[in-house]
């Protein structure tokens, strides 16, 4: 999934960290940095394993960012 935003990279990362924190312990942040965030489920998961979400943030122009979420 790709989306474009005018928000700063730090606000996108903090929002995704809030989402992981609001999951009542089912998700936790495993890696967070200036270019993205990665979080995964704490439960064992289904036949394919745990749910892992990695979001990479790219700068298109100075004021517009593109974020790619890989599930």
N, C-alpha and C. Protein backbone atom coordinates (compact mmCIF):
# COMPACT_ATOMS: atom_id res chain seq x y z
N UNK A 1 0.84 -1.15 0.00
CA UNK A 1 0.00 0.00 0.00
C UNK A 1 0.90 1.24 0.00
N UNK A 2 0.56 2.19 -0.84
CA UNK A 2 1.30 3.45 -0.93
C UNK A 2 0.34 4.59 -0.59
N UNK A 3 0.84 5.58 0.10
CA UNK A 3 0.04 6.78 0.28
C UNK A 3 0.96 7.99 0.32
N UNK A 4 0.40 9.14 -0.09
CA UNK A 4 1.16 10.38 -0.12
C UNK A 4 0.61 11.31 0.94
N UNK A 5 1.48 12.10 1.53
CA UNK A 5 1.06 13.00 2.59
C UNK A 5 1.92 14.25 2.61
N UNK A 6 1.37 15.30 3.19
CA UNK A 6 2.10 16.54 3.39
C UNK A 6 2.67 16.60 4.80
N UNK A 7 2.35 15.63 5.64
CA UNK A 7 2.85 15.59 7.01
C UNK A 7 4.35 15.27 7.02
N UNK A 8 5.00 15.60 8.12
CA UNK A 8 6.43 15.31 8.24
C UNK A 8 6.64 13.83 8.54
N UNK A 9 7.84 13.35 8.28
CA UNK A 9 8.15 11.94 8.54
C UNK A 9 8.03 11.61 10.01
N UNK A 10 8.44 12.53 10.87
CA UNK A 10 8.36 12.26 12.31
C UNK A 10 6.91 12.14 12.78
N UNK A 11 6.00 12.91 12.20
CA UNK A 11 4.59 12.79 12.61
C UNK A 11 3.97 11.49 12.10
N UNK A 12 4.38 11.02 10.93
CA UNK A 12 3.90 9.74 10.42
C UNK A 12 4.38 8.61 11.33
N UNK A 13 5.65 8.65 11.69
CA UNK A 13 6.22 7.60 12.53
C UNK A 13 5.58 7.61 13.91
N UNK A 14 5.37 8.79 14.48
CA UNK A 14 4.75 8.83 15.81
C UNK A 14 3.31 8.34 15.75
N UNK A 15 2.59 8.62 14.67
CA UNK A 15 1.22 8.14 14.53
C UNK A 15 1.19 6.62 14.43
N UNK A 16 2.11 6.04 13.68
CA UNK A 16 2.16 4.58 13.57
C UNK A 16 2.55 3.94 14.90
N UNK A 17 3.44 4.58 15.65
CA UNK A 17 3.78 4.07 16.98
C UNK A 17 2.58 4.14 17.92
N UNK A 18 1.74 5.18 17.78
CA UNK A 18 0.51 5.27 18.57
C UNK A 18 -0.44 4.14 18.22
N UNK A 19 -0.55 3.81 16.94
CA UNK A 19 -1.41 2.71 16.51
C UNK A 19 -0.96 1.40 17.13
N UNK A 20 0.34 1.16 17.13
CA UNK A 20 0.87 -0.07 17.74
C UNK A 20 0.62 -0.08 19.24
N UNK A 21 0.73 1.09 19.89
CA UNK A 21 0.52 1.16 21.33
C UNK A 21 -0.95 0.97 21.70
N UNK A 22 -1.86 1.37 20.83
CA UNK A 22 -3.31 1.24 21.10
C UNK A 22 -3.84 -0.15 20.81
N UNK A 23 -3.01 -1.06 20.39
CA UNK A 23 -3.48 -2.40 20.03
C UNK A 23 -3.61 -3.32 21.23
N UNK A 24 -3.54 -2.78 22.44
CA UNK A 24 -3.71 -3.53 23.69
C UNK A 24 -2.71 -4.69 23.81
N UNK A 25 -1.47 -4.42 23.42
CA UNK A 25 -0.43 -5.41 23.59
C UNK A 25 -0.32 -6.44 22.48
N UNK A 26 -1.17 -6.34 21.45
CA UNK A 26 -1.11 -7.31 20.35
C UNK A 26 -0.04 -6.98 19.33
N UNK A 27 0.43 -5.72 19.30
CA UNK A 27 1.48 -5.30 18.38
C UNK A 27 2.55 -4.56 19.18
N UNK A 28 3.79 -4.66 18.73
CA UNK A 28 4.85 -3.88 19.36
C UNK A 28 5.84 -3.42 18.30
N UNK A 29 6.42 -2.26 18.53
CA UNK A 29 7.37 -1.66 17.59
C UNK A 29 8.70 -2.38 17.76
N UNK A 30 9.23 -2.91 16.66
CA UNK A 30 10.51 -3.61 16.72
C UNK A 30 11.66 -2.73 16.23
N UNK A 31 11.35 -1.77 15.35
CA UNK A 31 12.39 -0.89 14.83
C UNK A 31 11.75 0.44 14.45
N UNK A 32 12.38 1.53 14.83
CA UNK A 32 11.86 2.85 14.50
C UNK A 32 13.03 3.76 14.20
N UNK A 33 12.92 4.48 13.11
CA UNK A 33 14.00 5.39 12.73
C UNK A 33 13.47 6.54 11.90
N UNK A 34 14.35 7.32 11.33
CA UNK A 34 13.98 8.50 10.56
C UNK A 34 13.32 8.15 9.23
N UNK A 35 13.56 6.95 8.71
CA UNK A 35 13.03 6.58 7.40
C UNK A 35 11.86 5.62 7.45
N UNK A 36 11.44 5.22 8.65
CA UNK A 36 10.29 4.33 8.73
C UNK A 36 10.17 3.66 10.07
N UNK A 37 9.22 2.75 10.13
CA UNK A 37 8.94 2.03 11.36
C UNK A 37 8.54 0.60 11.01
N UNK A 38 8.82 -0.32 11.91
CA UNK A 38 8.47 -1.72 11.71
C UNK A 38 7.84 -2.22 13.01
N UNK A 39 6.67 -2.85 12.91
CA UNK A 39 6.07 -3.44 14.08
C UNK A 39 5.47 -4.79 13.73
N UNK A 40 5.33 -5.65 14.74
CA UNK A 40 4.83 -6.99 14.50
C UNK A 40 3.94 -7.43 15.64
N UNK A 41 3.16 -8.45 15.36
CA UNK A 41 2.24 -8.98 16.35
C UNK A 41 2.96 -9.78 17.42
N UNK A 42 2.40 -9.78 18.61
CA UNK A 42 3.02 -10.51 19.71
C UNK A 42 2.48 -11.94 19.80
N UNK A 43 1.32 -12.17 19.19
CA UNK A 43 0.76 -13.52 19.22
C UNK A 43 1.43 -14.38 18.17
N UNK A 44 1.27 -15.68 18.32
CA UNK A 44 1.94 -16.62 17.42
C UNK A 44 1.51 -16.44 15.98
N UNK A 45 0.25 -16.14 15.75
CA UNK A 45 -0.22 -15.90 14.38
C UNK A 45 -0.83 -17.13 13.77
N UNK A 46 -1.12 -17.02 12.49
CA UNK A 46 -1.75 -18.10 11.76
C UNK A 46 -0.73 -19.01 11.11
N UNK A 47 -1.14 -19.69 10.04
CA UNK A 47 -0.24 -20.62 9.38
C UNK A 47 0.96 -19.95 8.71
N UNK A 48 0.87 -18.66 8.45
CA UNK A 48 1.99 -17.94 7.82
C UNK A 48 2.84 -17.20 8.84
N UNK A 49 2.54 -17.35 10.12
CA UNK A 49 3.34 -16.71 11.16
C UNK A 49 2.73 -15.42 11.66
N UNK A 50 3.54 -14.61 12.32
CA UNK A 50 3.10 -13.34 12.89
C UNK A 50 2.86 -12.30 11.80
N UNK A 51 1.94 -11.39 12.11
CA UNK A 51 1.73 -10.25 11.23
C UNK A 51 2.86 -9.25 11.45
N UNK A 52 3.53 -8.86 10.38
CA UNK A 52 4.60 -7.88 10.43
C UNK A 52 4.29 -6.77 9.44
N UNK A 53 4.39 -5.53 9.90
CA UNK A 53 4.15 -4.37 9.04
C UNK A 53 5.40 -3.51 9.05
N UNK A 54 5.91 -3.20 7.87
CA UNK A 54 7.06 -2.32 7.72
C UNK A 54 6.64 -1.14 6.86
N UNK A 55 6.88 0.06 7.33
CA UNK A 55 6.53 1.27 6.60
C UNK A 55 7.82 2.03 6.30
N UNK A 56 8.05 2.27 5.02
CA UNK A 56 9.22 3.01 4.56
C UNK A 56 8.76 4.36 4.04
N UNK A 57 9.44 5.41 4.40
CA UNK A 57 9.04 6.76 4.02
C UNK A 57 10.07 7.35 3.06
N UNK A 58 9.57 7.85 1.93
CA UNK A 58 10.42 8.43 0.89
C UNK A 58 10.01 9.87 0.65
N UNK A 59 10.95 10.73 0.39
CA UNK A 59 10.67 12.13 0.09
C UNK A 59 10.61 12.30 -1.42
N UNK A 60 9.46 12.77 -1.92
CA UNK A 60 9.30 13.00 -3.36
C UNK A 60 9.81 14.40 -3.70
N UNK A 61 9.28 15.38 -3.03
CA UNK A 61 9.78 16.75 -3.08
C UNK A 61 9.94 17.19 -1.63
N UNK A 62 10.43 18.38 -1.42
CA UNK A 62 10.72 18.82 -0.07
C UNK A 62 9.52 18.75 0.87
N UNK A 63 8.33 19.04 0.36
CA UNK A 63 7.18 19.12 1.24
C UNK A 63 6.20 17.96 1.09
N UNK A 64 6.49 16.95 0.25
CA UNK A 64 5.58 15.83 0.08
C UNK A 64 6.33 14.51 0.27
N UNK A 65 5.73 13.61 1.05
CA UNK A 65 6.33 12.31 1.33
C UNK A 65 5.45 11.20 0.79
N UNK A 66 6.06 10.10 0.43
CA UNK A 66 5.35 8.89 0.04
C UNK A 66 5.72 7.82 1.04
N UNK A 67 4.72 7.14 1.58
CA UNK A 67 4.96 6.06 2.52
C UNK A 67 4.49 4.76 1.90
N UNK A 68 5.31 3.74 1.98
CA UNK A 68 4.98 2.43 1.45
C UNK A 68 4.88 1.46 2.61
N UNK A 69 3.71 0.87 2.77
CA UNK A 69 3.49 -0.11 3.84
C UNK A 69 3.57 -1.50 3.24
N UNK A 70 4.41 -2.32 3.82
CA UNK A 70 4.59 -3.70 3.37
C UNK A 70 4.08 -4.61 4.48
N UNK A 71 3.07 -5.37 4.17
CA UNK A 71 2.47 -6.26 5.18
C UNK A 71 2.89 -7.66 4.87
